[in-house]
């Protein structure tokens, strides 16, 4: 009986060690997948940042054409209104 008990304890320890090894491998695999996902997420965020920067640049260009420089769209259309075209609406004063 004492030899059997010692053998059972040894087998239980081996099984526990094997389970811990399997858990460690599963954790390592999950960590690897998580890291790859995180890298992809960071790359996506960088792409979004670049796209937002390009959108902001395009907006500034379009807005500049609308309100500034000689012959901008606001002053050109306001001249038409002053010349007598019939308009149902009027531009905001801060834009004119």
N, C-alpha and C. Protein backbone atom coordinates (compact mmCIF):
# COMPACT_ATOMS: atom_id res chain seq x y z
N UNK A 1 0.82 -1.22 0.00
CA UNK A 1 0.00 0.00 0.00
C UNK A 1 0.86 1.27 0.00
N UNK A 2 1.96 1.29 0.73
CA UNK A 2 2.77 2.52 0.77
C UNK A 2 3.45 2.76 -0.58
N UNK A 3 3.85 1.72 -1.26
CA UNK A 3 4.44 1.87 -2.58
C UNK A 3 3.39 2.34 -3.59
N UNK A 4 2.20 1.80 -3.48
CA UNK A 4 1.12 2.20 -4.37
C UNK A 4 0.77 3.67 -4.16
N UNK A 5 0.72 4.11 -2.92
CA UNK A 5 0.41 5.51 -2.61
C UNK A 5 1.50 6.43 -3.16
N UNK A 6 2.74 6.06 -3.00
CA UNK A 6 3.86 6.86 -3.54
C UNK A 6 3.80 6.90 -5.06
N UNK A 7 3.48 5.79 -5.68
CA UNK A 7 3.37 5.73 -7.14
C UNK A 7 2.21 6.61 -7.63
N UNK A 8 1.09 6.56 -6.95
CA UNK A 8 -0.06 7.39 -7.32
C UNK A 8 0.26 8.88 -7.18
N UNK A 9 0.97 9.23 -6.13
CA UNK A 9 1.38 10.63 -5.95
C UNK A 9 2.32 11.07 -7.06
N UNK A 10 3.22 10.19 -7.46
CA UNK A 10 4.15 10.51 -8.54
C UNK A 10 3.39 10.69 -9.85
N UNK A 11 2.46 9.80 -10.13
CA UNK A 11 1.65 9.90 -11.35
C UNK A 11 0.82 11.19 -11.31
N UNK A 12 0.23 11.52 -10.16
CA UNK A 12 -0.55 12.75 -10.03
C UNK A 12 0.32 13.98 -10.29
N UNK A 13 1.55 13.96 -9.77
CA UNK A 13 2.48 15.08 -10.01
C UNK A 13 2.85 15.18 -11.48
N UNK A 14 3.08 14.04 -12.12
CA UNK A 14 3.41 14.05 -13.55
C UNK A 14 2.24 14.61 -14.36
N UNK A 15 1.00 14.18 -14.02
CA UNK A 15 -0.18 14.69 -14.72
C UNK A 15 -0.34 16.20 -14.51
N UNK A 16 -0.11 16.65 -13.29
CA UNK A 16 -0.22 18.08 -12.99
C UNK A 16 0.83 18.86 -13.79
N UNK A 17 2.06 18.35 -13.84
CA UNK A 17 3.11 19.02 -14.62
C UNK A 17 2.77 19.04 -16.10
N UNK A 18 2.23 17.94 -16.61
CA UNK A 18 1.82 17.87 -18.02
C UNK A 18 0.71 18.89 -18.29
N UNK A 19 -0.26 18.99 -17.38
CA UNK A 19 -1.35 19.97 -17.54
C UNK A 19 -0.80 21.39 -17.52
N UNK A 20 0.15 21.67 -16.65
CA UNK A 20 0.76 23.00 -16.58
C UNK A 20 1.52 23.30 -17.88
N UNK A 21 2.20 22.30 -18.41
CA UNK A 21 2.92 22.49 -19.68
C UNK A 21 1.94 22.78 -20.82
N UNK A 22 0.82 22.05 -20.86
CA UNK A 22 -0.19 22.30 -21.88
C UNK A 22 -0.78 23.69 -21.74
N UNK A 23 -1.02 24.11 -20.49
CA UNK A 23 -1.53 25.46 -20.25
C UNK A 23 -0.52 26.51 -20.70
N UNK A 24 0.75 26.28 -20.43
CA UNK A 24 1.79 27.23 -20.83
C UNK A 24 1.86 27.34 -22.35
N UNK A 25 1.74 26.22 -23.04
CA UNK A 25 1.73 26.25 -24.51
C UNK A 25 0.51 26.98 -25.04
N UNK A 26 -0.65 26.75 -24.43
CA UNK A 26 -1.88 27.44 -24.85
C UNK A 26 -1.76 28.94 -24.60
N UNK A 27 -1.18 29.32 -23.48
CA UNK A 27 -0.98 30.74 -23.17
C UNK A 27 -0.03 31.37 -24.18
N UNK A 28 1.04 30.67 -24.51
CA UNK A 28 2.01 31.18 -25.49
C UNK A 28 1.35 31.35 -26.86
N UNK A 29 0.53 30.39 -27.27
CA UNK A 29 -0.15 30.49 -28.56
C UNK A 29 -1.16 31.64 -28.57
N UNK A 30 -1.93 31.77 -27.49
CA UNK A 30 -2.90 32.87 -27.38
C UNK A 30 -2.18 34.21 -27.36
N UNK A 31 -1.05 34.27 -26.66
CA UNK A 31 -0.27 35.51 -26.62
C UNK A 31 0.26 35.89 -27.99
N UNK A 32 0.69 34.89 -28.76
CA UNK A 32 1.18 35.14 -30.11
C UNK A 32 0.07 35.70 -31.00
N UNK A 33 -1.12 35.08 -30.92
CA UNK A 33 -2.25 35.57 -31.71
C UNK A 33 -2.67 36.97 -31.28
N UNK A 34 -2.67 37.22 -29.98
CA UNK A 34 -3.03 38.54 -29.46
C UNK A 34 -2.04 39.59 -29.95
N UNK A 35 -0.75 39.25 -29.93
CA UNK A 35 0.27 40.20 -30.38
C UNK A 35 0.07 40.53 -31.86
N UNK A 36 -0.17 39.50 -32.69
CA UNK A 36 -0.40 39.74 -34.11
C UNK A 36 -1.62 40.61 -34.34
N UNK A 37 -2.70 40.36 -33.60
CA UNK A 37 -3.90 41.20 -33.70
C UNK A 37 -3.59 42.64 -33.32
N UNK A 38 -2.81 42.81 -32.26
CA UNK A 38 -2.46 44.15 -31.78
C UNK A 38 -1.65 44.90 -32.83
N UNK A 39 -0.69 44.21 -33.45
CA UNK A 39 0.10 44.85 -34.50
C UNK A 39 -0.80 45.28 -35.65
N UNK A 40 -1.74 44.43 -36.04
CA UNK A 40 -2.69 44.79 -37.09
C UNK A 40 -3.54 45.99 -36.69
N UNK A 41 -3.96 46.04 -35.43
CA UNK A 41 -4.76 47.16 -34.93
C UNK A 41 -3.96 48.46 -34.99
N UNK A 42 -2.71 48.41 -34.56
CA UNK A 42 -1.85 49.61 -34.59
C UNK A 42 -1.65 50.08 -36.02
N UNK A 43 -1.45 49.13 -36.94
CA UNK A 43 -1.30 49.50 -38.36
C UNK A 43 -2.58 50.16 -38.88
N UNK A 44 -3.74 49.64 -38.49
CA UNK A 44 -5.01 50.24 -38.90
C UNK A 44 -5.16 51.64 -38.34
N UNK A 45 -4.79 51.83 -37.08
CA UNK A 45 -4.88 53.16 -36.47
C UNK A 45 -3.95 54.14 -37.19
N UNK A 46 -2.78 53.68 -37.58
CA UNK A 46 -1.85 54.53 -38.32
C UNK A 46 -2.45 54.91 -39.67
N UNK A 47 -3.08 53.95 -40.33
CA UNK A 47 -3.75 54.24 -41.60
C UNK A 47 -4.87 55.25 -41.45
N UNK A 48 -5.64 55.11 -40.37
CA UNK A 48 -6.71 56.06 -40.09
C UNK A 48 -6.13 57.46 -39.87
N UNK A 49 -5.05 57.53 -39.12
CA UNK A 49 -4.40 58.82 -38.86
C UNK A 49 -3.96 59.48 -40.17
N UNK A 50 -3.34 58.70 -41.05
CA UNK A 50 -2.90 59.24 -42.33
C UNK A 50 -4.08 59.69 -43.17
N UNK A 51 -5.16 58.89 -43.19
CA UNK A 51 -6.34 59.24 -43.97
C UNK A 51 -7.00 60.51 -43.43
N UNK A 52 -7.04 60.63 -42.11
CA UNK A 52 -7.60 61.85 -41.52
C UNK A 52 -6.75 63.07 -41.86
N UNK A 53 -5.45 62.89 -41.86
CA UNK A 53 -4.55 63.99 -42.24
C UNK A 53 -4.78 64.40 -43.69
N UNK A 54 -4.94 63.42 -44.57
CA UNK A 54 -5.20 63.74 -45.97
C UNK A 54 -6.56 64.41 -46.13
N UNK A 55 -7.55 63.92 -45.39
CA UNK A 55 -8.88 64.53 -45.46
C UNK A 55 -8.83 65.98 -44.97
N UNK A 56 -8.09 66.22 -43.89
CA UNK A 56 -7.96 67.58 -43.36
C UNK A 56 -7.27 68.48 -44.38
N UNK A 57 -6.24 67.97 -45.02
CA UNK A 57 -5.53 68.74 -46.04
C UNK A 57 -6.45 69.07 -47.21
N UNK A 58 -7.22 68.10 -47.68
CA UNK A 58 -8.16 68.34 -48.78
C UNK A 58 -9.25 69.33 -48.37
N UNK A 59 -9.71 69.23 -47.12
CA UNK A 59 -10.71 70.18 -46.64
C UNK A 59 -10.14 71.60 -46.64
N UNK A 60 -8.92 71.76 -46.15
CA UNK A 60 -8.31 73.09 -46.12
C UNK A 60 -8.16 73.66 -47.53
N UNK A 61 -7.79 72.82 -48.48
CA UNK A 61 -7.66 73.27 -49.88
C UNK A 61 -9.01 73.72 -50.42
N UNK A 62 -10.03 72.90 -50.22
CA UNK A 62 -11.36 73.24 -50.71
C UNK A 62 -11.90 74.49 -50.03
N UNK A 63 -11.71 74.58 -48.72
CA UNK A 63 -12.20 75.75 -47.99
C UNK A 63 -11.47 77.01 -48.44
N UNK A 64 -10.18 76.88 -48.72
CA UNK A 64 -9.43 78.02 -49.22
C UNK A 64 -9.98 78.51 -50.55
N UNK A 65 -10.34 77.60 -51.42
CA UNK A 65 -10.93 77.98 -52.71
C UNK A 65 -12.29 78.64 -52.51
N UNK A 66 -12.95 78.25 -51.47
CA UNK A 66 -14.27 78.80 -51.19
C UNK A 66 -14.19 80.23 -50.66
N UNK A 67 -13.27 80.49 -49.72
CA UNK A 67 -13.32 81.77 -49.01
C UNK A 67 -12.13 82.70 -49.21
N UNK A 68 -11.02 82.24 -49.74
CA UNK A 68 -9.86 83.13 -49.79
C UNK A 68 -9.28 83.23 -51.19
N UNK A 69 -8.45 84.23 -51.38
CA UNK A 69 -7.80 84.45 -52.66
C UNK A 69 -8.68 85.23 -53.62
N UNK A 70 -8.03 85.75 -54.64
CA UNK A 70 -8.78 86.51 -55.64
C UNK A 70 -9.68 85.57 -56.40
N UNK A 71 -10.90 85.98 -56.61
CA UNK A 71 -11.86 85.19 -57.36
C UNK A 71 -12.38 83.98 -56.61
N UNK A 72 -12.35 84.05 -55.26
CA UNK A 72 -12.89 82.92 -54.51
C UNK A 72 -14.39 82.80 -54.75
N UNK A 73 -14.92 81.64 -54.48
CA UNK A 73 -16.31 81.35 -54.81
C UNK A 73 -17.30 82.24 -54.06
N UNK A 74 -17.01 82.54 -52.81
CA UNK A 74 -17.95 83.37 -52.04
C UNK A 74 -18.02 84.77 -52.62
N UNK A 75 -16.87 85.39 -52.89
CA UNK A 75 -16.92 86.76 -53.43
C UNK A 75 -17.52 86.77 -54.83
N UNK A 76 -17.27 85.73 -55.62
CA UNK A 76 -17.84 85.68 -56.97
C UNK A 76 -19.36 85.56 -56.93
N UNK A 77 -19.86 84.69 -56.07
CA UNK A 77 -21.31 84.54 -56.00
C UNK A 77 -21.97 85.74 -55.34
N UNK A 78 -21.28 86.37 -54.41
CA UNK A 78 -21.84 87.57 -53.77
C UNK A 78 -21.92 88.71 -54.78
N UNK A 79 -20.96 88.79 -55.70
CA UNK A 79 -21.02 89.81 -56.75
C UNK A 79 -22.25 89.58 -57.63
N UNK A 80 -22.55 88.32 -57.93
CA UNK A 80 -23.76 88.02 -58.71
C UNK A 80 -25.01 88.49 -57.99
N UNK A 81 -25.08 88.27 -56.69
CA UNK A 81 -26.24 88.71 -55.92
C UNK A 81 -26.36 90.22 -55.96
N UNK A 82 -25.23 90.92 -55.83
CA UNK A 82 -25.26 92.38 -55.85
C UNK A 82 -25.65 92.92 -57.23
N UNK A 83 -25.37 92.14 -58.28
CA UNK A 83 -25.74 92.56 -59.62
C UNK A 83 -27.23 92.36 -59.88
N UNK A 84 -27.92 91.69 -58.97
CA UNK A 84 -29.37 91.63 -59.08
C UNK A 84 -29.98 90.27 -59.32
N UNK A 85 -29.25 89.19 -59.19
CA UNK A 85 -29.91 87.90 -59.38
C UNK A 85 -30.90 87.68 -58.25
N UNK A 86 -31.92 86.93 -58.53
CA UNK A 86 -32.93 86.65 -57.51
C UNK A 86 -32.47 85.42 -56.74
N UNK A 87 -32.25 85.59 -55.45
CA UNK A 87 -31.80 84.49 -54.59
C UNK A 87 -32.77 84.35 -53.43
N UNK A 88 -33.11 83.14 -53.12
CA UNK A 88 -34.01 82.89 -52.01
C UNK A 88 -33.30 82.89 -50.67
N UNK A 89 -32.02 82.69 -50.70
CA UNK A 89 -31.23 82.65 -49.47
C UNK A 89 -30.06 83.61 -49.58
N UNK A 90 -29.45 83.88 -48.43
CA UNK A 90 -28.29 84.79 -48.42
C UNK A 90 -27.19 84.14 -47.58
N UNK A 91 -25.93 84.37 -47.99
CA UNK A 91 -24.80 83.82 -47.24
C UNK A 91 -24.69 84.46 -45.86
N UNK A 92 -24.10 83.71 -44.96
CA UNK A 92 -23.87 84.25 -43.61
C UNK A 92 -22.91 85.43 -43.70
N UNK A 93 -23.13 86.41 -42.85
CA UNK A 93 -22.30 87.62 -42.89
C UNK A 93 -20.82 87.34 -42.60
N UNK A 94 -20.54 86.38 -41.71
CA UNK A 94 -19.14 86.11 -41.38
C UNK A 94 -18.36 85.48 -42.55
N UNK A 95 -19.06 84.92 -43.53
CA UNK A 95 -18.39 84.36 -44.70
C UNK A 95 -18.13 85.41 -45.76
N UNK A 96 -18.99 86.45 -45.81
CA UNK A 96 -18.90 87.45 -46.89
C UNK A 96 -17.78 88.40 -46.63
